[in-house]
Every structure is written in structure tokens, then in C-alpha cells.
Amino acid sequence: MTIYESIKAAVPIRQAAEHYGLKVGRNGMACCPFHNDRHPSLKLNEDYFYCFGCGAKGDVIDFVAKLFDLGNYEAVQRLAADFGISTEPGQAVAAPLKSKHPHIRQFREDEMRCFRVLTDYLHLLEDWKVQYAPKAPEDKLDDRFVEACQMLDHIEYLADILTVGTLEERVSVVDGLVKEGKIAFLQDYVAHKKKEELYHEQRSSTEPIR
């Protein structure tokens, strides 16, 4: 049995989904994390998932790969680390560990929130770095271009830790972002900047051409 088969046999898709912060109803339905889903359209069966809204489907490895933007091998490693499953050849496959920590569900929710906010900010910075780059050496630097140059590497680093870091590393990052209020500030900041961008786009599209 390969490690891929071992992971799929050991970790039910619903358990993985709940582990990573999804709220699943008794009927196995949840709001899909892969599109803007206001009403539960993601069906979680024991060994596969399917979204009636966006069409996403697959097994537990596909789910984690898509959720964290990983390759299948990295997704297997993430599942093995989070559920206490050995990836060493010849080692017995352990049953998924159920944490006795009373705050583990809250941590998963905080982790997913941090990941979403960091990813949103990262995409914004990537757009700014291209859109507001100076056209000539003598051009005055746009503040958004400067911010993108200053912040991209750091935000990318934090997002990478939440994607492929160890549990201890992820706990440290999440605690630092949540307890100090940084993620709440960043969430509001990104939402405000997106509204500004949208307003300017709409305004420029309605201005008469001179």
C-alpha cells in the first residue's frame, strides 16, 4: 500500500474538512471553500467530495491540495503531520489522532482565517507591483508599488508557513497574528483597499473621453 492509499484509508474526507475549519452539517453538506458559497453546496462523503456549485471534486488528498494550493505529495505530507500518520515505508499506519486540546477547533478556524486574509493581501500586492510600477526611471514611485516591494516577501513567507510549515510553526504564526490583532487589522485594510480600487475603476470607466 502506498502512502497515498494509506492516507486515504486512514483519514475520512469529512474528518479532514472539519479538522481544517469547515462546519459540516449532519447531512454531510458544508459551504464550499473553493468559491463564494453562501449556502452549503459541498457534499462530503466518506472517501470523496463534490461541490454542486463550482464542480470541485476528488478525494481527501485532492481536497487538502486544493485548499492549501499544494501538490499531491505536499498535501500527503500535510495530512500525515496533522493526523499523526507515519510516512516511513514499512511503518504501521496510525489511526488519525483526535486532539484532546479544547481549543484545537478554534485554532483551525483562526488558521484558515489567517491563510485567507494573507492570500487576499498577497494577491493585492502582486497586482500593485505590476499595475503601479514606474514606467520610466524618473517617475515618482506610487505608494502602492512601494508597499508591494516592501511587503511581498514577508507576506509570502507567512503564507508559506501556514501552507507547509510544521504544526508548531503554524501555531506560532497564527498566535502572533491573532493575539496582537494584526490579522483583524489586515482583513479590514485589504477590504478597504479593494473598495478603493473598485471605486476608482468604476469612476474611470464612466468618465467621458476627452
C-alpha atoms as a PDB file:
ATOM      1  CA  MET A   1       0.000   0.000   0.000  1.00  0.00           C
ATOM      2  CA  THR A   2       1.416   3.391  -0.990  1.00  0.00           C
ATOM      3  CA  ILE A   3       1.428   6.379   1.380  1.00  0.00           C
ATOM      4  CA  TYR A   4      -1.294   7.929  -0.804  1.00  0.00           C
ATOM      5  CA  GLU A   5      -3.516   4.878  -0.313  1.00  0.00           C
ATOM      6  CA  SER A   6      -2.664   4.793   3.403  1.00  0.00           C
ATOM      7  CA  ILE A   7      -3.686   8.420   3.898  1.00  0.00           C
ATOM      8  CA  LYS A   8      -6.949   7.962   2.001  1.00  0.00           C
ATOM      9  CA  ALA A   9      -7.750   4.847   4.036  1.00  0.00           C
ATOM     10  CA  ALA A  10      -6.899   6.477   7.369  1.00  0.00           C
ATOM     11  CA  VAL A  11      -8.451   9.957   7.014  1.00  0.00           C
ATOM     12  CA  PRO A  12     -12.132  10.320   6.060  1.00  0.00           C
ATOM     13  CA  ILE A  13     -12.762  13.393   3.934  1.00  0.00           C
ATOM     14  CA  ARG A  14     -15.315  14.761   6.392  1.00  0.00           C
ATOM     15  CA  GLN A  15     -12.900  14.480   9.313  1.00  0.00           C
ATOM     16  CA  ALA A  16     -10.228  16.308   7.334  1.00  0.00           C
ATOM     17  CA  ALA A  17     -12.663  19.057   6.337  1.00  0.00           C
ATOM     18  CA  GLU A  18     -13.746  19.614   9.944  1.00  0.00           C
ATOM     19  CA  HIS A  19     -10.119  19.467  11.084  1.00  0.00           C
ATOM     20  CA  TYR A  20      -9.315  22.369   8.769  1.00  0.00           C
ATOM     21  CA  GLY A  21     -12.184  24.527   9.991  1.00  0.00           C
ATOM     22  CA  LEU A  22     -15.212  23.677   7.840  1.00  0.00           C
ATOM     23  CA  LYS A  23     -18.559  23.416   9.598  1.00  0.00           C
ATOM     24  CA  VAL A  24     -20.249  20.291   8.271  1.00  0.00           C
ATOM     25  CA  GLY A  25     -23.952  19.603   8.760  1.00  0.00           C
ATOM     26  CA  ARG A  26     -25.464  16.260   9.691  1.00  0.00           C
ATOM     27  CA  ASN A  27     -26.239  15.636   6.036  1.00  0.00           C
ATOM     28  CA  GLY A  28     -22.564  15.997   5.144  1.00  0.00           C
ATOM     29  CA  MET A  29     -23.055  19.393   3.481  1.00  0.00           C
ATOM     30  CA  ALA A  30     -20.816  22.412   4.020  1.00  0.00           C
ATOM     31  CA  CYS A  31     -20.139  25.786   2.446  1.00  0.00           C
ATOM     32  CA  CYS A  32     -17.551  25.233  -0.274  1.00  0.00           C
ATOM     33  CA  PRO A  33     -14.203  26.936   0.447  1.00  0.00           C
ATOM     34  CA  PHE A  34     -13.314  26.947  -3.259  1.00  0.00           C
ATOM     35  CA  HIS A  35     -15.831  29.588  -4.328  1.00  0.00           C
ATOM     36  CA  ASN A  36     -18.028  32.274  -2.753  1.00  0.00           C
ATOM     37  CA  ASP A  37     -20.587  29.892  -1.310  1.00  0.00           C
ATOM     38  CA  ARG A  38     -23.388  31.429   0.768  1.00  0.00           C
ATOM     39  CA  HIS A  39     -25.419  28.238   1.074  1.00  0.00           C
ATOM     40  CA  PRO A  40     -23.864  24.783   1.627  1.00  0.00           C
ATOM     41  CA  SER A  41     -23.219  23.176  -1.749  1.00  0.00           C
ATOM     42  CA  LEU A  42     -20.235  20.957  -0.879  1.00  0.00           C
ATOM     43  CA  LYS A  43     -21.131  17.303  -0.250  1.00  0.00           C
ATOM     44  CA  LEU A  44     -18.645  15.390   1.903  1.00  0.00           C
ATOM     45  CA  ASN A  45     -18.881  11.621   1.608  1.00  0.00           C
ATOM     46  CA  GLU A  46     -16.583   9.248   3.442  1.00  0.00           C
ATOM     47  CA  ASP A  47     -14.000   8.993   0.679  1.00  0.00           C
ATOM     48  CA  TYR A  48     -14.724  11.830  -1.764  1.00  0.00           C
ATOM     49  CA  PHE A  49     -16.174  15.330  -2.024  1.00  0.00           C
ATOM     50  CA  TYR A  50     -18.231  17.065  -4.684  1.00  0.00           C
ATOM     51  CA  CYS A  51     -19.416  20.680  -4.959  1.00  0.00           C
ATOM     52  CA  PHE A  52     -22.732  21.205  -6.705  1.00  0.00           C
ATOM     53  CA  GLY A  53     -21.842  24.888  -7.104  1.00  0.00           C
ATOM     54  CA  CYS A  54     -18.377  25.005  -8.675  1.00  0.00           C
ATOM     55  CA  GLY A  55     -17.888  21.339  -9.599  1.00  0.00           C
ATOM     56  CA  ALA A  56     -14.816  20.766  -7.412  1.00  0.00           C
ATOM     57  CA  LYS A  57     -14.379  17.080  -6.615  1.00  0.00           C
ATOM     58  CA  GLY A  58     -11.849  14.493  -5.503  1.00  0.00           C
ATOM     59  CA  ASP A  59     -10.545  12.539  -2.533  1.00  0.00           C
ATOM     60  CA  VAL A  60      -9.080  13.748   0.761  1.00  0.00           C
ATOM     61  CA  ILE A  61      -5.684  14.433  -0.841  1.00  0.00           C
ATOM     62  CA  ASP A  62      -7.264  16.463  -3.631  1.00  0.00           C
ATOM     63  CA  PHE A  63      -9.243  18.399  -1.019  1.00  0.00           C
ATOM     64  CA  VAL A  64      -6.185  19.416   1.017  1.00  0.00           C
ATOM     65  CA  ALA A  65      -4.123  20.112  -2.120  1.00  0.00           C
ATOM     66  CA  LYS A  66      -6.819  22.471  -3.414  1.00  0.00           C
ATOM     67  CA  LEU A  67      -7.477  24.036  -0.007  1.00  0.00           C
ATOM     68  CA  PHE A  68      -3.832  24.976   0.585  1.00  0.00           C
ATOM     69  CA  ASP A  69      -2.682  25.236  -3.052  1.00  0.00           C
ATOM     70  CA  LEU A  70      -0.311  22.268  -2.738  1.00  0.00           C
ATOM     71  CA  GLY A  71       0.851  19.448  -4.944  1.00  0.00           C
ATOM     72  CA  ASN A  72      -0.402  15.957  -4.064  1.00  0.00           C
ATOM     73  CA  TYR A  73       2.864  14.991  -2.359  1.00  0.00           C
ATOM     74  CA  GLU A  74       2.841  18.116  -0.169  1.00  0.00           C
ATOM     75  CA  ALA A  75      -0.829  17.509   0.646  1.00  0.00           C
ATOM     76  CA  VAL A  76       0.004  13.967   1.789  1.00  0.00           C
ATOM     77  CA  GLN A  77       2.799  15.290   3.995  1.00  0.00           C
ATOM     78  CA  ARG A  78       0.443  17.894   5.481  1.00  0.00           C
ATOM     79  CA  LEU A  79      -2.212  15.268   6.261  1.00  0.00           C
ATOM     80  CA  ALA A  80       0.360  12.891   7.722  1.00  0.00           C
ATOM     81  CA  ALA A  81       1.749  15.611  10.003  1.00  0.00           C
ATOM     82  CA  ASP A  82      -1.658  16.849  11.149  1.00  0.00           C
ATOM     83  CA  PHE A  83      -3.144  13.399  11.770  1.00  0.00           C
ATOM     84  CA  GLY A  84      -0.074  11.659  13.215  1.00  0.00           C
ATOM     85  CA  ILE A  85       0.387   9.209  10.355  1.00  0.00           C
ATOM     86  CA  SER A  86       3.821   7.778   9.565  1.00  0.00           C
ATOM     87  CA  THR A  87       5.102   8.275   6.017  1.00  0.00           C
ATOM     88  CA  GLU A  88       8.064   5.916   6.517  1.00  0.00           C
ATOM     89  CA  PRO A  89       7.993   2.730   4.398  1.00  0.00           C
ATOM     90  CA  GLY A  90       7.124  -0.336   6.459  1.00  0.00           C
ATOM     91  CA  GLN A  91       5.730   1.665   9.371  1.00  0.00           C
ATOM     92  CA  ALA A  92       2.238   0.858  10.535  1.00  0.00           C
ATOM     93  CA  VAL A  93      -0.356   3.429   9.645  1.00  0.00           C
ATOM     94  CA  ALA A  94      -1.578   5.082  12.822  1.00  0.00           C
ATOM     95  CA  ALA A  95      -5.200   5.980  13.292  1.00  0.00           C
ATOM     96  CA  PRO A  96      -5.841   9.718  12.995  1.00  0.00           C
ATOM     97  CA  LEU A  97      -5.155  11.439  16.274  1.00  0.00           C
ATOM     98  CA  LYS A  98      -8.031  13.210  17.966  1.00  0.00           C
ATOM     99  CA  SER A  99      -6.558  16.111  19.851  1.00  0.00           C
ATOM    100  CA  LYS A 100      -7.583  16.481  23.475  1.00  0.00           C
ATOM    101  CA  HIS A 101      -6.770  20.173  23.315  1.00  0.00           C
ATOM    102  CA  PRO A 102     -10.038  22.025  23.977  1.00  0.00           C
ATOM    103  CA  HIS A 103      -9.078  24.909  21.707  1.00  0.00           C
ATOM    104  CA  ILE A 104      -7.996  22.905  18.657  1.00  0.00           C
ATOM    105  CA  ARG A 105     -11.163  23.749  16.688  1.00  0.00           C
ATOM    106  CA  GLN A 106     -10.667  27.450  17.400  1.00  0.00           C
ATOM    107  CA  PHE A 107      -7.070  27.192  16.210  1.00  0.00           C
ATOM    108  CA  ARG A 108      -8.163  25.576  12.940  1.00  0.00           C
ATOM    109  CA  GLU A 109     -10.684  28.356  12.349  1.00  0.00           C
ATOM    110  CA  ASP A 110      -8.082  31.027  13.163  1.00  0.00           C
ATOM    111  CA  GLU A 111      -5.556  29.328  10.884  1.00  0.00           C
ATOM    112  CA  MET A 112      -7.951  29.254   7.945  1.00  0.00           C
ATOM    113  CA  ARG A 113      -8.889  32.897   8.517  1.00  0.00           C
ATOM    114  CA  CYS A 114      -5.217  33.934   8.623  1.00  0.00           C
ATOM    115  CA  PHE A 115      -4.499  31.969   5.458  1.00  0.00           C
ATOM    116  CA  ARG A 116      -7.407  33.553   3.569  1.00  0.00           C
ATOM    117  CA  VAL A 117      -6.516  37.100   4.657  1.00  0.00           C
ATOM    118  CA  LEU A 118      -2.810  36.666   3.893  1.00  0.00           C
ATOM    119  CA  THR A 119      -3.638  35.216   0.474  1.00  0.00           C
ATOM    120  CA  ASP A 120      -6.000  38.105  -0.309  1.00  0.00           C
ATOM    121  CA  TYR A 121      -3.326  40.624   0.680  1.00  0.00           C
ATOM    122  CA  LEU A 122      -0.686  38.739  -1.297  1.00  0.00           C
ATOM    123  CA  HIS A 123      -2.796  38.880  -4.468  1.00  0.00           C
ATOM    124  CA  LEU A 124      -3.380  42.594  -3.913  1.00  0.00           C
ATOM    125  CA  LEU A 125       0.350  43.234  -3.529  1.00  0.00           C
ATOM    126  CA  GLU A 126       1.149  41.218  -6.654  1.00  0.00           C
ATOM    127  CA  ASP A 127      -1.363  43.286  -8.635  1.00  0.00           C
ATOM    128  CA  TRP A 128       0.032  46.557  -7.260  1.00  0.00           C
ATOM    129  CA  LYS A 129       3.619  45.630  -8.100  1.00  0.00           C
ATOM    130  CA  VAL A 130       2.662  45.204 -11.750  1.00  0.00           C
ATOM    131  CA  GLN A 131      -0.068  47.823 -12.131  1.00  0.00           C
ATOM    132  CA  TYR A 132       1.728  50.702 -10.383  1.00  0.00           C
ATOM    133  CA  ALA A 133       5.310  50.004 -11.420  1.00  0.00           C
ATOM    134  CA  PRO A 134       7.052  53.161 -12.719  1.00  0.00           C
ATOM    135  CA  LYS A 135       7.042  53.457 -16.490  1.00  0.00           C
ATOM    136  CA  ALA A 136      10.320  55.411 -16.531  1.00  0.00           C
ATOM    137  CA  PRO A 137      13.252  55.818 -14.090  1.00  0.00           C
ATOM    138  CA  GLU A 138      12.356  59.448 -13.397  1.00  0.00           C
ATOM    139  CA  ASP A 139       8.714  58.686 -12.499  1.00  0.00           C
ATOM    140  CA  LYS A 140       7.619  59.276  -8.919  1.00  0.00           C
ATOM    141  CA  LEU A 141       7.068  55.949  -7.128  1.00  0.00           C
ATOM    142  CA  ASP A 142       3.441  55.141  -6.327  1.00  0.00           C
ATOM    143  CA  ASP A 143       2.855  54.316  -2.634  1.00  0.00           C
ATOM    144  CA  ARG A 144       1.156  51.039  -3.590  1.00  0.00           C
ATOM    145  CA  PHE A 145       4.169  49.946  -5.633  1.00  0.00           C
ATOM    146  CA  VAL A 146       6.468  50.778  -2.710  1.00  0.00           C
ATOM    147  CA  GLU A 147       4.253  48.823  -0.285  1.00  0.00           C
ATOM    148  CA  ALA A 148       4.249  45.833  -2.622  1.00  0.00           C
ATOM    149  CA  CYS A 149       8.054  45.854  -2.851  1.00  0.00           C
ATOM    150  CA  GLN A 150       8.393  46.129   0.929  1.00  0.00           C
ATOM    151  CA  MET A 151       5.750  43.595   1.988  1.00  0.00           C
ATOM    152  CA  LEU A 152       5.594  40.868  -0.677  1.00  0.00           C
ATOM    153  CA  ASP A 153       8.412  38.671   0.626  1.00  0.00           C
ATOM    154  CA  HIS A 154       7.224  38.811   4.243  1.00  0.00           C
ATOM    155  CA  ILE A 155       3.582  38.012   3.456  1.00  0.00           C
ATOM    156  CA  GLU A 156       4.664  35.240   1.093  1.00  0.00           C
ATOM    157  CA  TYR A 157       6.837  33.808   3.885  1.00  0.00           C
ATOM    158  CA  LEU A 158       3.929  33.776   6.377  1.00  0.00           C
ATOM    159  CA  ALA A 159       1.576  32.190   3.828  1.00  0.00           C
ATOM    160  CA  ASP A 160       4.203  29.525   3.070  1.00  0.00           C
ATOM    161  CA  ILE A 161       4.478  28.623   6.764  1.00  0.00           C
ATOM    162  CA  LEU A 162       0.694  28.199   7.014  1.00  0.00           C
ATOM    163  CA  THR A 163       0.839  26.022   3.889  1.00  0.00           C
ATOM    164  CA  VAL A 164       3.774  23.681   4.513  1.00  0.00           C
ATOM    165  CA  GLY A 165       5.145  24.565   7.967  1.00  0.00           C
ATOM    166  CA  THR A 166       5.162  22.247  10.963  1.00  0.00           C
ATOM    167  CA  LEU A 167       2.285  22.432  13.424  1.00  0.00           C
ATOM    168  CA  GLU A 168       4.487  24.328  15.898  1.00  0.00           C
ATOM    169  CA  GLU A 169       5.475  26.887  13.256  1.00  0.00           C
ATOM    170  CA  ARG A 170       1.862  27.395  12.191  1.00  0.00           C
ATOM    171  CA  VAL A 171       0.680  27.802  15.794  1.00  0.00           C
ATOM    172  CA  SER A 172       3.369  30.428  16.360  1.00  0.00           C
ATOM    173  CA  VAL A 173       2.377  32.420  13.253  1.00  0.00           C
ATOM    174  CA  VAL A 174      -1.365  32.226  13.968  1.00  0.00           C
ATOM    175  CA  ASP A 175      -0.904  33.229  17.611  1.00  0.00           C
ATOM    176  CA  GLY A 176       1.211  36.219  16.593  1.00  0.00           C
ATOM    177  CA  LEU A 177      -1.325  37.360  14.012  1.00  0.00           C
ATOM    178  CA  VAL A 178      -4.480  36.793  16.069  1.00  0.00           C
ATOM    179  CA  LYS A 179      -3.493  37.754  19.609  1.00  0.00           C
ATOM    180  CA  GLU A 180      -1.931  41.048  18.592  1.00  0.00           C
ATOM    181  CA  GLY A 181      -4.885  41.945  16.383  1.00  0.00           C
ATOM    182  CA  LYS A 182      -2.739  42.035  13.238  1.00  0.00           C
ATOM    183  CA  ILE A 183      -4.981  39.757  11.172  1.00  0.00           C
ATOM    184  CA  ALA A 184      -8.128  41.728  12.062  1.00  0.00           C
ATOM    185  CA  PHE A 185      -6.398  44.960  11.027  1.00  0.00           C
ATOM    186  CA  LEU A 186      -5.101  43.393   7.802  1.00  0.00           C
ATOM    187  CA  GLN A 187      -8.533  41.989   6.953  1.00  0.00           C
ATOM    188  CA  ASP A 188     -10.120  45.449   7.288  1.00  0.00           C
ATOM    189  CA  TYR A 189      -7.210  47.066   5.434  1.00  0.00           C
ATOM    190  CA  VAL A 190      -7.462  44.713   2.444  1.00  0.00           C
ATOM    191  CA  ALA A 191     -11.260  45.120   2.279  1.00  0.00           C
ATOM    192  CA  HIS A 192     -10.870  48.929   2.349  1.00  0.00           C
ATOM    193  CA  LYS A 193      -8.206  48.930  -0.371  1.00  0.00           C
ATOM    194  CA  LYS A 194     -10.279  46.634  -2.592  1.00  0.00           C
ATOM    195  CA  LYS A 195     -13.247  49.014  -2.271  1.00  0.00           C
ATOM    196  CA  GLU A 196     -10.968  51.942  -3.181  1.00  0.00           C
ATOM    197  CA  GLU A 197      -9.670  50.108  -6.247  1.00  0.00           C
ATOM    198  CA  LEU A 198     -13.189  49.191  -7.336  1.00  0.00           C
ATOM    199  CA  TYR A 199     -14.412  52.783  -6.853  1.00  0.00           C
ATOM    200  CA  HIS A 200     -11.576  54.210  -8.965  1.00  0.00           C
ATOM    201  CA  GLU A 201     -12.127  51.592 -11.676  1.00  0.00           C
ATOM    202  CA  GLN A 202     -15.838  52.382 -11.870  1.00  0.00           C
ATOM    203  CA  ARG A 203     -15.183  56.113 -11.857  1.00  0.00           C
ATOM    204  CA  SER A 204     -12.580  55.933 -14.608  1.00  0.00           C
ATOM    205  CA  SER A 205     -14.870  53.759 -16.751  1.00  0.00           C
ATOM    206  CA  THR A 206     -17.685  56.319 -16.575  1.00  0.00           C
ATOM    207  CA  GLU A 207     -15.566  59.439 -17.190  1.00  0.00           C
ATOM    208  CA  PRO A 208     -16.013  60.867 -20.715  1.00  0.00           C
ATOM    209  CA  ILE A 209     -13.064  60.535 -23.077  1.00  0.00           C
ATOM    210  CA  ARG A 210     -11.526  63.900 -23.864  1.00  0.00           C
END
